[in-house]
Protein backbone atom coordinates (compact mmCIF):
# COMPACT_ATOMS: atom_id res chain seq x y z
CA MET A 1 -0.16 0.05 0.09
CA THR A 2 1.31 3.52 -0.49
CA PHE A 3 0.52 6.85 0.47
CA PRO A 4 0.69 10.55 -0.87
CA LEU A 5 3.23 12.14 0.67
CA PRO A 6 2.14 15.00 2.79
CA ASP A 7 2.78 18.72 2.59
CA SER A 8 2.34 19.39 6.16
CA VAL A 9 2.82 18.07 9.84
CA ASP A 10 -1.31 18.18 10.12
CA ALA A 11 -1.02 15.87 6.92
CA LEU A 12 1.08 13.54 8.38
CA LYS A 13 -0.29 13.08 11.27
CA ASP A 14 -3.87 12.94 9.88
CA MET A 15 -2.15 9.98 7.47
CA ILE A 16 -1.19 7.93 10.42
CA GLY A 17 -4.16 8.43 12.10
CA ARG A 18 -6.28 7.05 8.86
CA GLU A 19 -3.99 4.28 8.53
CA ILE A 20 -4.58 3.10 11.96
CA THR A 21 -8.03 3.65 11.54
CA SER A 22 -8.11 1.42 8.61
CA LEU A 23 -6.26 -1.13 10.17
CA ARG A 24 -8.63 -1.47 13.40
CA ALA A 25 -11.48 -1.57 11.46
CA ALA A 26 -10.26 -4.45 9.10
CA VAL A 27 -9.05 -5.99 12.20
CA ARG A 28 -12.36 -5.93 13.63
CA ARG A 29 -14.58 -6.81 10.74
CA HIS A 30 -12.48 -10.32 10.53
CA ALA A 31 -12.93 -10.95 13.99
CA GLU A 32 -16.68 -10.14 13.76
CA ARG A 33 -17.04 -13.16 10.91
CA PRO A 34 -18.92 -16.55 12.72
CA LEU A 35 -16.65 -19.46 13.54
CA GLY A 36 -16.76 -22.65 11.58
CA GLY A 37 -18.34 -24.73 14.17
CA SER A 38 -20.70 -22.83 15.62
CA SER A 39 -24.27 -23.25 14.56
CA GLY A 40 -26.71 -20.44 13.51
CA GLY A 41 -25.29 -16.99 12.37
CA GLU A 42 -23.46 -16.13 15.63
CA PRO A 43 -20.18 -15.80 17.04
CA ALA A 44 -19.61 -18.48 19.74
CA SER A 45 -19.16 -16.68 22.94
CA PRO A 46 -15.79 -17.49 25.16
CA LEU A 47 -17.93 -17.82 28.47
CA GLN A 48 -19.50 -20.62 26.20
CA SER A 49 -16.47 -22.24 24.67
CA LEU A 50 -15.11 -22.49 28.85
CA ALA A 51 -18.58 -23.76 29.70
CA VAL A 52 -18.36 -27.30 27.37
CA LEU A 53 -14.55 -27.83 28.35
CA PRO A 54 -14.30 -32.28 29.60
CA ALA A 55 -14.73 -32.90 32.88
CA SER A 56 -11.51 -34.80 32.12
CA ALA A 57 -9.69 -31.55 33.13
CA GLU A 58 -10.56 -32.54 36.78
CA THR A 59 -7.46 -35.40 36.82
CA ASP A 60 -10.51 -38.22 36.39
CA GLY A 61 -12.92 -36.59 38.90
CA ALA A 62 -10.45 -36.67 41.99
CA ALA A 63 -9.44 -33.91 43.17
CA ALA A 64 -5.55 -32.85 43.52
CA PRO A 65 -3.43 -32.15 46.27
CA CYS A 66 -1.96 -28.94 47.14
CA LEU A 67 1.47 -28.25 46.49
CA CYS A 68 2.36 -27.00 49.37
CA GLY A 69 1.45 -30.13 51.45
CA VAL A 70 -0.30 -28.93 53.84
CA HIS A 71 -3.62 -28.29 52.77
CA GLU A 72 -6.13 -31.18 52.19
CA PRO A 73 -7.00 -32.55 49.18
CA GLY A 74 -10.68 -31.12 47.62
CA GLY A 75 -9.26 -27.78 50.02
CA SER A 76 -8.83 -24.54 48.13
CA GLY A 77 -5.64 -25.49 47.04
CA PHE A 78 -4.75 -21.82 45.89
CA CYS A 79 -0.84 -22.41 46.26
CA SER A 80 -1.14 -25.01 43.80
CA VAL A 81 -0.83 -22.00 41.49
CA LEU A 82 2.16 -20.94 42.30
CA ALA A 83 4.31 -23.14 39.90
CA ALA A 84 2.34 -21.15 36.76
CA ILE A 85 3.58 -17.72 38.57
CA PRO A 86 6.70 -16.27 36.26
CA ALA A 87 8.43 -14.41 39.08
CA SER A 88 9.53 -15.86 42.46
CA ALA A 89 6.31 -16.09 44.87
CA VAL A 90 5.45 -17.85 48.30
CA LEU A 91 2.27 -18.10 50.06
CA LEU A 92 3.15 -16.80 53.81
CA GLU A 93 1.49 -17.78 57.11
CA PRO A 94 1.45 -14.65 59.47
CA VAL A 95 3.22 -15.65 63.17
CA GLN A 96 1.88 -13.79 66.06
CA ASP A 97 2.90 -13.19 69.61
CA ASP A 98 0.56 -13.48 72.21
CA SER A 99 -0.86 -9.68 71.37
CA GLY A 100 -1.99 -10.86 67.65
CA ALA A 101 1.10 -8.18 66.12
CA VAL A 102 2.80 -9.71 63.29
CA ARG A 103 6.43 -11.03 64.58
CA ASP A 104 7.19 -12.87 61.33
CA PHE A 105 5.82 -15.08 58.94
CA ARG A 106 6.05 -18.80 57.86
CA ILE A 107 7.18 -19.85 54.54
CA VAL A 108 4.24 -22.68 53.77
CA ALA A 109 4.46 -22.89 50.18
CA GLY A 110 6.50 -22.01 47.34
CA ASN A 111 8.05 -21.90 43.65
CA ARG A 112 10.96 -22.54 42.14
CA VAL A 113 11.78 -19.04 40.59
CA ARG A 114 15.37 -17.48 41.71
CA SER A 115 14.88 -13.76 41.65
CA ALA A 116 19.16 -13.89 41.56
CA ASP A 117 21.72 -16.48 41.31
CA TRP A 118 22.66 -15.85 44.68
CA LEU A 119 19.08 -16.60 46.19
CA GLU A 120 17.95 -19.91 46.51
CA PRO A 121 14.54 -20.67 45.17
CA PRO A 122 11.39 -20.26 47.41
CA ASP A 123 10.62 -24.49 47.20
CA HIS A 124 13.58 -24.81 49.18
CA GLN A 125 12.42 -22.51 51.91
CA VAL A 126 8.99 -24.35 52.58
CA GLY A 127 8.77 -24.39 56.57
CA GLN A 128 11.19 -21.34 57.08
CA ARG A 129 10.61 -18.65 59.29
CA PHE A 130 10.50 -15.78 56.48
CA LEU A 131 13.23 -13.57 58.60
CA GLU A 132 15.36 -16.89 58.64
CA ALA A 133 15.36 -17.15 54.92
CA ARG A 134 15.55 -13.57 54.37
CA PRO A 135 17.13 -11.97 56.97
CA GLY A 136 17.68 -8.43 55.40
CA ALA A 137 13.83 -8.39 55.23
CA ALA A 138 13.51 -6.37 58.34
CA SER A 139 16.53 -3.80 57.76
CA SER A 140 14.74 -3.20 54.12
CA GLY A 141 11.27 -2.53 55.44
CA LEU A 142 9.75 -5.71 53.62
CA LEU A 143 8.70 -7.28 56.72
CA ALA A 144 6.59 -4.01 58.13
CA ALA A 145 4.40 -4.09 53.95
CA LEU A 146 4.21 -7.26 54.45
CA THR A 147 2.93 -7.01 57.86
CA ASP A 148 0.53 -4.24 56.92
CA VAL A 149 -1.08 -6.36 53.66
CA VAL A 150 -2.38 -8.60 56.72
CA ASP A 151 -3.45 -5.46 58.93
CA THR A 152 -4.91 -3.75 56.23
CA GLY A 153 -5.83 -5.97 53.65
CA LYS A 154 -4.73 -3.56 51.32
CA PRO A 155 -2.38 -5.00 48.45
CA LEU A 156 1.57 -4.50 48.19
CA ASP A 157 1.66 -3.17 44.55
CA GLY A 158 5.74 -2.88 43.16
CA LEU A 159 7.75 -1.77 46.09
CA VAL A 160 11.36 -2.01 45.32
CA VAL A 161 13.26 -3.04 47.99
CA ASP A 162 17.02 -2.47 47.83
CA TYR A 163 17.83 -6.53 49.59
CA THR A 164 20.98 -6.86 50.67
CA GLU A 165 22.07 -10.02 52.37
CA GLN A 166 25.63 -11.24 53.79
CA ARG A 167 26.37 -15.34 52.75
CA LEU A 168 29.26 -17.43 52.98
CA GLY A 169 31.35 -14.23 54.13
CA ARG A 170 30.16 -11.97 50.94
CA ILE A 171 27.73 -9.00 50.46
CA HIS A 172 25.00 -9.48 48.21
CA ARG A 173 22.62 -6.74 46.87
CA ALA A 174 19.55 -6.72 44.16
CA PRO A 175 16.93 -4.24 43.61
CA LEU A 176 13.65 -6.46 43.73
CA LEU A 177 10.52 -5.49 42.87
CA TYR A 178 7.72 -7.11 45.61
CA SER A 179 3.89 -7.66 45.12
CA ALA A 180 1.69 -8.49 47.78
CA ALA A 181 -1.81 -9.94 48.34
CA ARG A 182 -3.96 -11.50 51.35
CA CYS A 183 -5.43 -14.81 50.38
CA GLY A 184 -7.58 -15.12 53.62
CA GLY A 185 -5.46 -15.16 56.34
CA GLN A 186 -1.94 -15.48 54.51
CA VAL A 187 -0.17 -13.79 52.25
CA LEU A 188 0.89 -14.18 48.47
CA ALA A 189 3.72 -12.74 47.90
CA THR A 190 5.72 -12.64 44.27
CA TRP A 191 9.31 -10.56 43.57
CA GLN A 192 11.20 -10.07 40.46
CA PRO A 193 14.37 -8.08 40.18
CA VAL A 194 13.98 -4.83 39.33
CA GLN A 195 15.86 -5.33 36.22
CA THR A 196 18.04 -8.27 35.07
CA GLN A 197 21.52 -8.17 34.14
CA ALA A 198 20.78 -8.68 30.19
CA GLU A 199 18.75 -5.72 30.91
CA LEU A 200 21.18 -3.42 32.56
CA LEU A 201 23.77 -4.69 29.87
CA THR A 202 21.43 -3.38 27.43
CA ILE A 203 20.86 -0.09 28.88
CA ASP A 204 24.63 0.41 29.72
CA ALA A 205 25.02 -0.26 25.09
CA GLN A 206 22.30 1.95 24.25
CA PHE A 207 23.77 4.64 26.61
CA LEU A 208 27.36 3.64 25.11
CA ALA A 209 26.24 3.34 21.31
CA SER A 210 23.68 6.51 21.78
CA MET A 211 20.94 4.47 20.84
CA GLY A 212 17.16 3.20 21.88
CA TRP A 213 14.35 1.77 20.38
CA GLY A 214 10.66 1.81 20.38
CA HIS A 215 7.73 -0.56 19.62
CA TRP A 216 4.24 0.70 18.48
CA ASP A 217 1.41 -1.83 18.85
CA LEU A 218 -1.34 0.37 16.11
CA LEU A 219 -3.98 -2.23 17.27
CA SER A 220 -4.16 -2.01 21.14
CA GLY A 221 -1.98 1.59 20.69
CA LYS A 222 0.37 0.22 23.64
CA ILE A 223 3.82 1.60 23.06
CA THR A 224 7.18 0.52 25.06
CA TRP A 225 10.41 2.82 24.84
CA SER A 226 13.75 1.45 25.93
CA GLU A 227 15.30 3.68 28.54
CA GLY A 228 18.12 4.72 25.14
CA LEU A 229 15.05 6.21 23.21
CA SER A 230 13.49 8.11 25.99
CA ARG A 231 17.44 9.55 27.04
CA ILE A 232 17.07 10.79 23.23
CA PHE A 233 13.92 12.36 23.52
CA HIS A 234 13.97 13.71 27.19
CA ALA A 235 10.67 11.34 28.09
CA ASP A 236 9.81 9.40 30.91
CA VAL A 237 10.08 6.27 29.75
CA ARG A 238 6.41 5.76 31.34
CA MET A 239 5.25 8.13 28.76
CA PRO A 240 6.40 7.35 25.58
CA TRP A 241 5.49 9.52 22.27
CA THR A 242 3.09 7.97 20.09
CA LEU A 243 3.93 8.72 16.36
CA GLU A 244 1.89 11.41 16.10
CA GLN A 245 3.76 12.84 18.89
CA LEU A 246 7.47 12.62 16.81
CA CYS A 247 5.58 14.40 14.10
CA ASP A 248 5.56 17.44 16.19
CA ALA A 249 9.04 17.69 17.04
CA LEU A 250 10.10 17.17 13.39
CA LEU A 251 12.57 19.78 12.08
CA PRO A 252 9.99 21.45 9.20
CA ASP A 253 12.81 20.68 6.72
CA ASP A 254 13.00 16.77 7.18
CA LEU A 255 8.76 16.75 7.13
CA THR A 256 9.50 14.66 3.45
CA ALA A 257 12.27 12.55 4.36
CA LEU A 258 9.94 11.18 7.71
CA ALA A 259 6.81 10.58 5.35
CA GLU A 260 8.64 8.78 3.26
CA PHE A 261 9.57 6.77 5.92
CA LEU A 262 6.32 6.22 7.53
CA SER A 263 5.11 5.01 4.40
CA SER A 264 7.49 2.70 3.73
CA VAL A 265 7.12 0.76 7.47
CA LEU A 266 3.39 1.12 7.53
CA ALA A 267 3.04 -0.24 3.81
CA GLY A 268 5.16 -3.17 4.76
CA GLU A 269 8.22 -2.46 3.19
CA GLU A 270 11.50 -3.49 5.28
CA PRO A 271 14.15 -2.24 6.81
CA ALA A 272 13.00 0.85 5.93
CA TRP A 273 16.72 3.36 7.10
CA THR A 274 16.59 7.50 7.04
CA ARG A 275 18.18 10.59 8.71
CA ILE A 276 15.85 12.66 10.51
CA ARG A 277 16.12 16.15 12.56
CA PHE A 278 14.04 16.63 16.04
CA LEU A 279 13.65 19.66 18.05
CA VAL A 280 14.07 17.84 21.64
CA LEU A 281 13.47 20.92 24.00
CA GLY A 282 14.71 23.76 21.81
CA GLU A 283 18.02 21.44 20.65
CA LEU A 284 18.65 19.89 17.41
CA ARG A 285 18.95 16.27 17.28
CA THR A 286 20.25 14.31 14.34
CA LEU A 287 18.85 10.83 14.77
CA ASP A 288 19.23 7.27 12.09
CA LEU A 289 15.87 5.95 11.92
CA LEU A 290 15.89 1.70 10.90
CA GLY A 291 12.04 1.04 11.02
CA ARG A 292 10.27 -2.64 10.68
CA PRO A 293 6.67 -3.12 10.93
CA VAL A 294 5.78 -6.36 12.30
CA THR A 295 3.00 -7.44 9.79
CA GLY A 296 0.03 -10.39 10.13
CA THR A 297 -1.05 -12.90 8.20
CA ASP A 298 -2.96 -10.65 6.04
CA GLY A 299 0.19 -8.91 5.38
CA ARG A 300 -0.98 -5.73 6.91
CA ALA A 301 1.78 -3.39 9.51
CA TRP A 302 -0.34 -3.99 13.20
CA ALA A 303 2.77 -2.60 14.97
CA VAL A 304 5.82 -0.55 14.37
CA ASN A 305 9.62 -1.46 15.48
CA LEU A 306 12.09 1.77 15.60
CA VAL A 307 15.72 1.92 16.04
CA ALA A 308 17.16 4.89 16.49
CA ARG A 309 21.20 6.47 16.48
CA ASP A 310 21.75 9.52 18.06
CA LEU A 311 24.12 11.31 15.69
CA THR A 312 23.82 14.51 17.81
CA PRO A 313 27.37 13.89 19.61
CA GLN A 314 28.95 12.90 16.70
CA ILE A 315 27.80 16.00 14.54
CA ARG A 316 28.30 18.63 17.61
CA SER A 317 31.99 17.29 17.55
CA ARG A 318 32.89 17.66 13.65
CA ARG A 319 30.90 21.00 13.74
CA ARG A 320 33.22 22.29 16.44
CA LEU A 321 36.24 20.57 14.30
CA ALA A 322 35.04 22.63 11.63
CA GLU A 323 34.54 26.01 13.45
CA THR A 324 37.93 25.03 14.90
CA GLU A 325 39.83 24.58 11.46
CA ARG A 326 37.84 28.15 10.14
CA GLU A 327 39.34 29.82 13.41
CA SER A 328 42.99 28.23 12.60
CA ASP A 329 42.92 29.26 9.01
CA ARG A 330 41.70 32.85 9.81
CA LEU A 331 44.21 32.98 12.54
CA ARG A 332 46.99 31.73 10.04
CA ARG A 333 45.44 34.10 7.14
CA GLN A 334 46.14 37.28 9.99
CA THR A 335 49.33 35.94 11.16
CA GLU A 336 50.34 36.02 7.52
CA ALA A 337 48.90 39.37 6.95
CA GLU A 338 50.61 40.81 9.95
CA ARG A 339 53.97 39.00 8.55
CA ARG A 340 53.84 40.74 5.64
CA VAL A 341 53.29 43.95 7.61
CA ALA A 342 55.65 43.46 9.83
CA ASP A 343 58.49 42.74 7.22
CA ALA A 344 57.61 45.90 5.45
CA LEU A 345 57.83 47.79 8.65
CA ARG A 346 60.91 46.44 9.03
CA GLU A 347 62.46 47.27 6.04
CA ALA A 348 60.96 51.16 6.20
CA LEU A 349 61.68 51.33 9.77
CA LEU A 350 65.16 49.30 10.57
CA PRO A 351 67.16 50.27 7.40
CA THR A 352 70.82 49.17 6.84
CA HIS A 353 73.41 51.59 7.43
CA SER A 354 73.98 54.39 5.17
CA GLU A 355 77.25 54.52 3.15
CA ALA A 356 77.59 58.43 4.06
CA LEU A 357 78.61 56.94 7.72
CA ALA A 358 81.78 54.99 6.08
CA ALA A 359 82.48 58.91 4.69
CA VAL A 360 82.67 60.51 8.00
CA GLY A 361 84.84 57.14 9.56
CA LEU A 362 82.49 55.08 11.39
CA THR A 363 81.72 51.13 10.41
CA VAL A 364 77.98 50.50 11.26
CA ALA A 365 76.00 47.05 11.70
CA ALA A 366 72.49 46.24 13.12
CA SER A 367 70.68 43.61 13.77
CA TYR A 368 67.58 42.63 15.03
CA ARG A 369 65.78 38.95 16.24
CA PRO A 370 62.21 38.84 17.31
CA ALA A 371 61.54 36.64 19.79
CA GLU A 372 58.69 34.41 18.10
CA PRO A 373 59.92 32.86 14.69
CA ASP A 374 56.39 34.08 13.12
CA ALA A 375 56.85 37.68 14.14
CA ALA A 376 59.32 39.84 12.32
CA VAL A 377 59.15 43.10 14.07
CA GLY A 378 58.28 43.97 17.63
CA GLY A 379 58.99 46.98 19.90
CA ASP A 380 62.63 47.23 19.33
CA TRP A 381 64.58 49.18 17.44
CA TYR A 382 67.82 51.46 16.69
CA LYS A 383 68.15 54.49 14.19
CA CYS A 384 71.77 55.81 13.40
CA ARG A 385 72.20 58.05 10.79
CA LEU A 386 74.47 61.36 9.66
CA LEU A 387 72.31 64.67 10.15
CA PRO A 388 72.18 68.30 8.09
CA ASP A 389 74.35 69.53 11.07
CA GLY A 390 77.56 66.85 10.40
CA ARG A 391 76.25 65.00 14.15
CA VAL A 392 75.62 61.40 13.77
CA LEU A 393 72.51 60.66 15.48
CA VAL A 394 72.80 57.22 17.47
CA ALA A 395 69.79 55.85 19.31
CA ILE A 396 68.60 52.26 20.20
CA GLY A 397 64.81 51.40 22.33
CA ASP A 398 62.96 49.40 23.28
CA ALA A 399 58.46 49.64 23.54
CA SER A 400 56.82 47.62 25.41
CA GLY A 401 55.11 44.53 24.49
CA HIS A 402 54.90 42.34 21.12
CA GLY A 403 52.98 42.29 17.96
CA LEU A 404 51.53 45.04 15.98
CA ASP A 405 50.63 47.37 18.52
CA ALA A 406 54.28 47.35 19.93
CA VAL A 407 55.04 48.24 16.37
CA ALA A 408 52.64 50.95 16.44
CA ARG A 409 54.29 52.53 19.23
CA MET A 410 57.77 51.62 18.75
CA ALA A 411 57.02 53.55 14.91
CA GLN A 412 55.56 56.67 17.07
CA GLN A 413 58.79 56.77 19.21
CA ARG A 414 61.72 56.37 16.95
CA HIS A 415 59.87 59.19 14.57
CA ALA A 416 59.51 61.32 16.90
CA MET A 417 63.00 61.09 18.31
CA ALA A 418 64.01 61.03 14.58
CA GLY A 419 61.84 64.20 14.29
CA LEU A 420 62.76 65.74 17.64
CA ALA A 421 66.60 65.24 16.50
CA GLN A 422 66.16 67.69 13.39
CA THR A 423 66.38 70.80 16.24
CA GLY A 424 69.76 70.32 17.04
CA ALA A 425 68.86 69.90 20.63
CA SER A 426 70.71 67.78 23.10
CA ALA A 427 70.34 64.03 24.04
CA GLY A 428 69.08 65.36 27.11
CA ALA A 429 66.39 67.57 25.37
CA ILE A 430 65.39 65.22 23.01
CA THR A 431 65.22 62.44 25.68
CA THR A 432 62.72 64.91 27.83
CA TRP A 433 60.17 64.88 25.11
CA LEU A 434 59.95 61.73 24.27
CA ASN A 435 59.14 61.17 27.81
CA GLU A 436 56.50 63.23 27.06
CA LEU A 437 55.00 61.78 24.41
CA VAL A 438 54.73 58.40 25.75
CA CYS A 439 53.40 59.63 29.07
CA SER A 440 49.97 60.92 27.12
CA ASP A 441 50.15 58.04 25.43
CA PRO A 442 46.48 56.53 26.49
CA ALA A 443 47.80 52.68 26.62
CA GLY A 444 49.86 53.87 29.37
CA GLN A 445 53.06 51.91 28.28
CA THR A 446 56.22 52.36 28.75
CA ALA A 447 59.58 52.21 26.93
CA THR A 448 63.47 52.94 27.23
CA VAL A 449 65.92 54.60 25.23
CA VAL A 450 69.20 55.62 24.70
CA VAL A 451 69.51 58.57 22.58
CA GLY A 452 73.12 60.07 21.72
CA HIS A 453 75.05 62.01 18.99
CA LEU A 454 78.83 61.55 17.64
CA ASP A 455 80.23 65.22 17.17
CA GLU A 456 82.76 65.45 14.32
CA ASP A 457 85.36 64.96 17.20
CA LYS A 458 83.73 61.73 18.15
CA VAL A 459 82.47 62.82 21.42
CA LEU A 460 79.20 60.68 22.21
CA HIS A 461 76.89 63.06 23.76
CA TRP A 462 73.92 60.66 25.08
CA ALA A 463 71.00 60.42 27.31
CA ASP A 464 69.95 57.38 29.13
CA ALA A 465 66.12 56.44 30.10
CA GLY A 466 65.85 52.93 32.07
CA HIS A 467 68.17 51.29 28.88
CA PRO A 468 71.03 49.59 29.23
CA ALA A 469 73.90 51.38 29.13
CA PRO A 470 76.20 50.08 25.63
CA LEU A 471 79.49 48.80 25.98
CA LEU A 472 82.47 50.10 24.78
CA LEU A 473 85.05 47.94 23.48
CA ARG A 474 88.66 49.48 23.94
CA GLY A 475 91.62 47.35 23.19
CA ALA A 476 91.45 44.37 25.78
CA ASP A 477 88.52 45.86 27.89
CA VAL A 478 84.91 45.80 27.64
CA GLU A 479 82.39 47.87 30.37
CA PRO A 480 79.57 49.43 30.19
CA LEU A 481 79.60 53.27 29.56
CA THR A 482 79.25 55.11 32.82
CA THR A 483 77.10 58.00 33.68
CA ASP A 484 75.34 60.04 36.81
CA GLN A 485 72.22 61.09 34.60
CA ARG A 486 70.63 58.12 33.98
CA GLY A 487 66.90 58.66 34.25
CA PRO A 488 63.74 56.49 34.73
CA LEU A 489 61.85 54.57 32.20
CA LEU A 490 59.86 56.61 29.21
CA GLY A 491 56.51 57.37 30.40
CA ALA A 492 56.84 56.72 34.65
CA LEU A 493 57.46 60.65 35.60
CA PRO A 494 55.30 62.93 33.33
CA GLY A 495 58.06 65.95 33.54
CA TYR A 496 61.23 64.15 34.42
CA ALA A 497 64.46 66.27 32.91
CA TYR A 498 66.60 64.22 31.07
CA GLY A 499 70.50 64.85 31.70
CA THR A 500 73.42 63.77 28.84
CA ALA A 501 76.15 62.79 29.46
CA SER A 502 79.51 62.77 27.33
CA THR A 503 82.42 59.77 26.28
CA ARG A 504 85.02 61.22 24.20
CA LEU A 505 86.28 58.09 21.86
CA ARG A 506 89.24 56.92 20.16
CA PRO A 507 90.11 55.31 16.77
CA GLY A 508 89.65 51.92 16.88
CA ASP A 509 86.82 51.85 19.73
CA LEU A 510 83.81 49.54 19.49
CA LEU A 511 80.71 50.93 20.80
CA VAL A 512 77.75 48.26 20.79
CA LEU A 513 74.01 49.09 22.00
CA TYR A 514 71.50 46.90 22.48
CA THR A 515 67.98 45.93 23.95
CA ASP A 516 67.31 43.95 27.34
CA GLY A 517 66.40 40.62 25.47
CA MET A 518 70.23 40.16 25.03
CA VAL A 519 71.07 39.88 28.77
CA GLU A 520 67.44 39.46 30.42
CA ARG A 521 67.07 35.66 31.69
CA ARG A 522 64.33 34.92 33.95
CA GLY A 523 65.35 34.76 37.44
CA GLU A 524 68.75 35.91 37.02
CA ASP A 525 69.92 39.69 38.06
CA VAL A 526 70.23 42.10 35.00
CA THR A 527 74.00 42.79 35.73
CA ASP A 528 74.72 38.82 35.17
CA GLY A 529 73.60 39.02 31.86
CA ILE A 530 75.70 42.56 30.57
CA LYS A 531 78.91 40.75 32.61
CA ARG A 532 77.99 37.59 30.14
CA LEU A 533 77.63 39.84 27.04
CA ALA A 534 80.64 41.66 27.79
CA ARG A 535 82.75 38.41 27.94
CA ALA A 536 81.32 37.36 24.60
CA ALA A 537 81.58 40.86 23.10
CA ALA A 538 85.44 40.77 24.42
CA ALA A 539 85.95 37.15 22.39
CA ALA A 540 84.38 38.15 19.39
CA PRO A 541 86.05 39.97 16.10
CA ARG A 542 86.12 43.61 16.05
CA ASP A 543 84.37 44.00 13.17
CA PRO A 544 81.02 45.45 13.92
CA GLN A 545 79.16 42.60 11.86
CA ALA A 546 81.59 40.15 12.66
CA LEU A 547 80.87 40.92 16.27
CA ILE A 548 77.28 40.68 16.09
CA ASP A 549 77.25 37.69 13.72
CA ALA A 550 79.41 36.04 16.51
CA LEU A 551 77.50 37.32 19.55
CA LEU A 552 73.90 35.52 17.73
CA VAL A 553 74.88 32.18 17.09
CA ASP A 554 76.42 31.92 20.69
CA PRO A 555 74.36 29.61 22.50
CA GLU A 556 74.16 32.35 25.48
CA PHE A 557 71.87 34.78 23.04
CA ALA A 558 70.44 32.73 20.32
CA GLY A 559 67.54 31.18 22.84
CA HIS A 560 66.43 34.75 23.64
CA GLU A 561 63.09 34.90 25.50
CA ASP A 562 62.57 38.87 24.27
CA ASP A 563 63.20 40.41 20.87
CA ALA A 564 67.01 41.29 20.90
CA CYS A 565 68.18 44.50 18.87
CA VAL A 566 71.96 45.17 18.55
CA LEU A 567 73.82 48.00 16.99
CA ALA A 568 77.36 48.48 16.73
CA ILE A 569 79.61 51.05 15.65
CA ARG A 570 83.58 51.41 15.00
CA VAL A 571 84.96 54.37 15.06
CA ASP A 572 87.68 54.40 12.85
């Protein structure tokens, strides 16, 4: 049978309702047909059929003895039905004290069904006191519940007992479901595991595999869901959804797919498979559905079995992975763009020395090494150029931070210093003005700098704002330049006036200016780093470029933790 595909959820629900109504009507018509062995046109009544059972069912007319062994033949024999009960069952006789209060029970009869492999079957305990056979009954509240059945006559329906018992030195526990009812002066009690080991393993398997199953009996309307399916749809296992309620949770875009799927199952085709998305408590869940009809002899589906696998966790993981890959790709593109910008800035801001310096008797070399391999430039900078008035501007600085923000501050400070140097002001005045510039920066960052001029007599006039003093290599000696004019970091003290120190250089002297990345190490005093750099410089060639190359390949300096900049100037 085929169905026209609906174009709305309501139409899909109507299709399901029509099919169920049609199925039930057909079954009713079949059930109302006259039985072949009955007389007349009326169907045989079930009561009439029972009435004509032969008397041989009473075992040749003799009364069967009761299975409990205490009732006389011909008595009620009620306990003889225990063998037909599929759960553990006993017939209990109250044991009362002198006041008539129930203190215990005696097991009159029992069947052979074990509720747990460590519990004896009830028929092996006939004649025993109940507390002797079930010592955990008092602490678990079971004895009190059975006593209440005797006192009130009210049946005990589905009491869950966490039954614990010690046997042969080992503690056993099992959750048991008890029911009981009064039979005359006795009590019939039954119990069974709340869940068998196989059921527990099935629940675990459903949880681990994110799976569940459901059974819809289209004739009776009874619906059974597994724990797994209830977990997927966040529904109570005792209140499973109808097929129509499943349609209400459907994502509208998947209407056609679910309609085709249910049409195939209701038409008796198997197996049917599809992938459907549902909105469950505002969360989108994606399920793989496998459907199989349960058909009668007429070929019509009278029940539907569905197995669902929840793909939501995998899809969510794939979505997060895709988002991570997109974010990584974005960051990679951003890093490449920053590197290109930094490369251009480095070429513009940190050029190699000019041939004009050689004309005034100076040999100059410089190098910049970022701490991060992916960064082309950071906050360190240098400047060495011939000014129009014949002096040589010498400067090195360090703007705090890394990345493009530090590059921006470095560029601002370097260009400001170069502009101020054109005024002919002293090194101290230039540094004072530069401090005011940094103090006015809303970012609140600091910086260090050494600014100096070499005049025609090769006298270095320099100012220091929190920066390591340059090293002077003269003959075999290597010492930092000394000054009593060293001032604080740029940006630390607004209005501070920096002084200018003077140092006369001689032919052959080599001046090495550097940033703190060359001398600072975590957990070490910076003076130790300066001494280490001085020793390495003393052992290096006196050619500026060769000296810088030797320092940068030295293991003591190759693994610097911060950006490092070196400027070497030799007086020829």
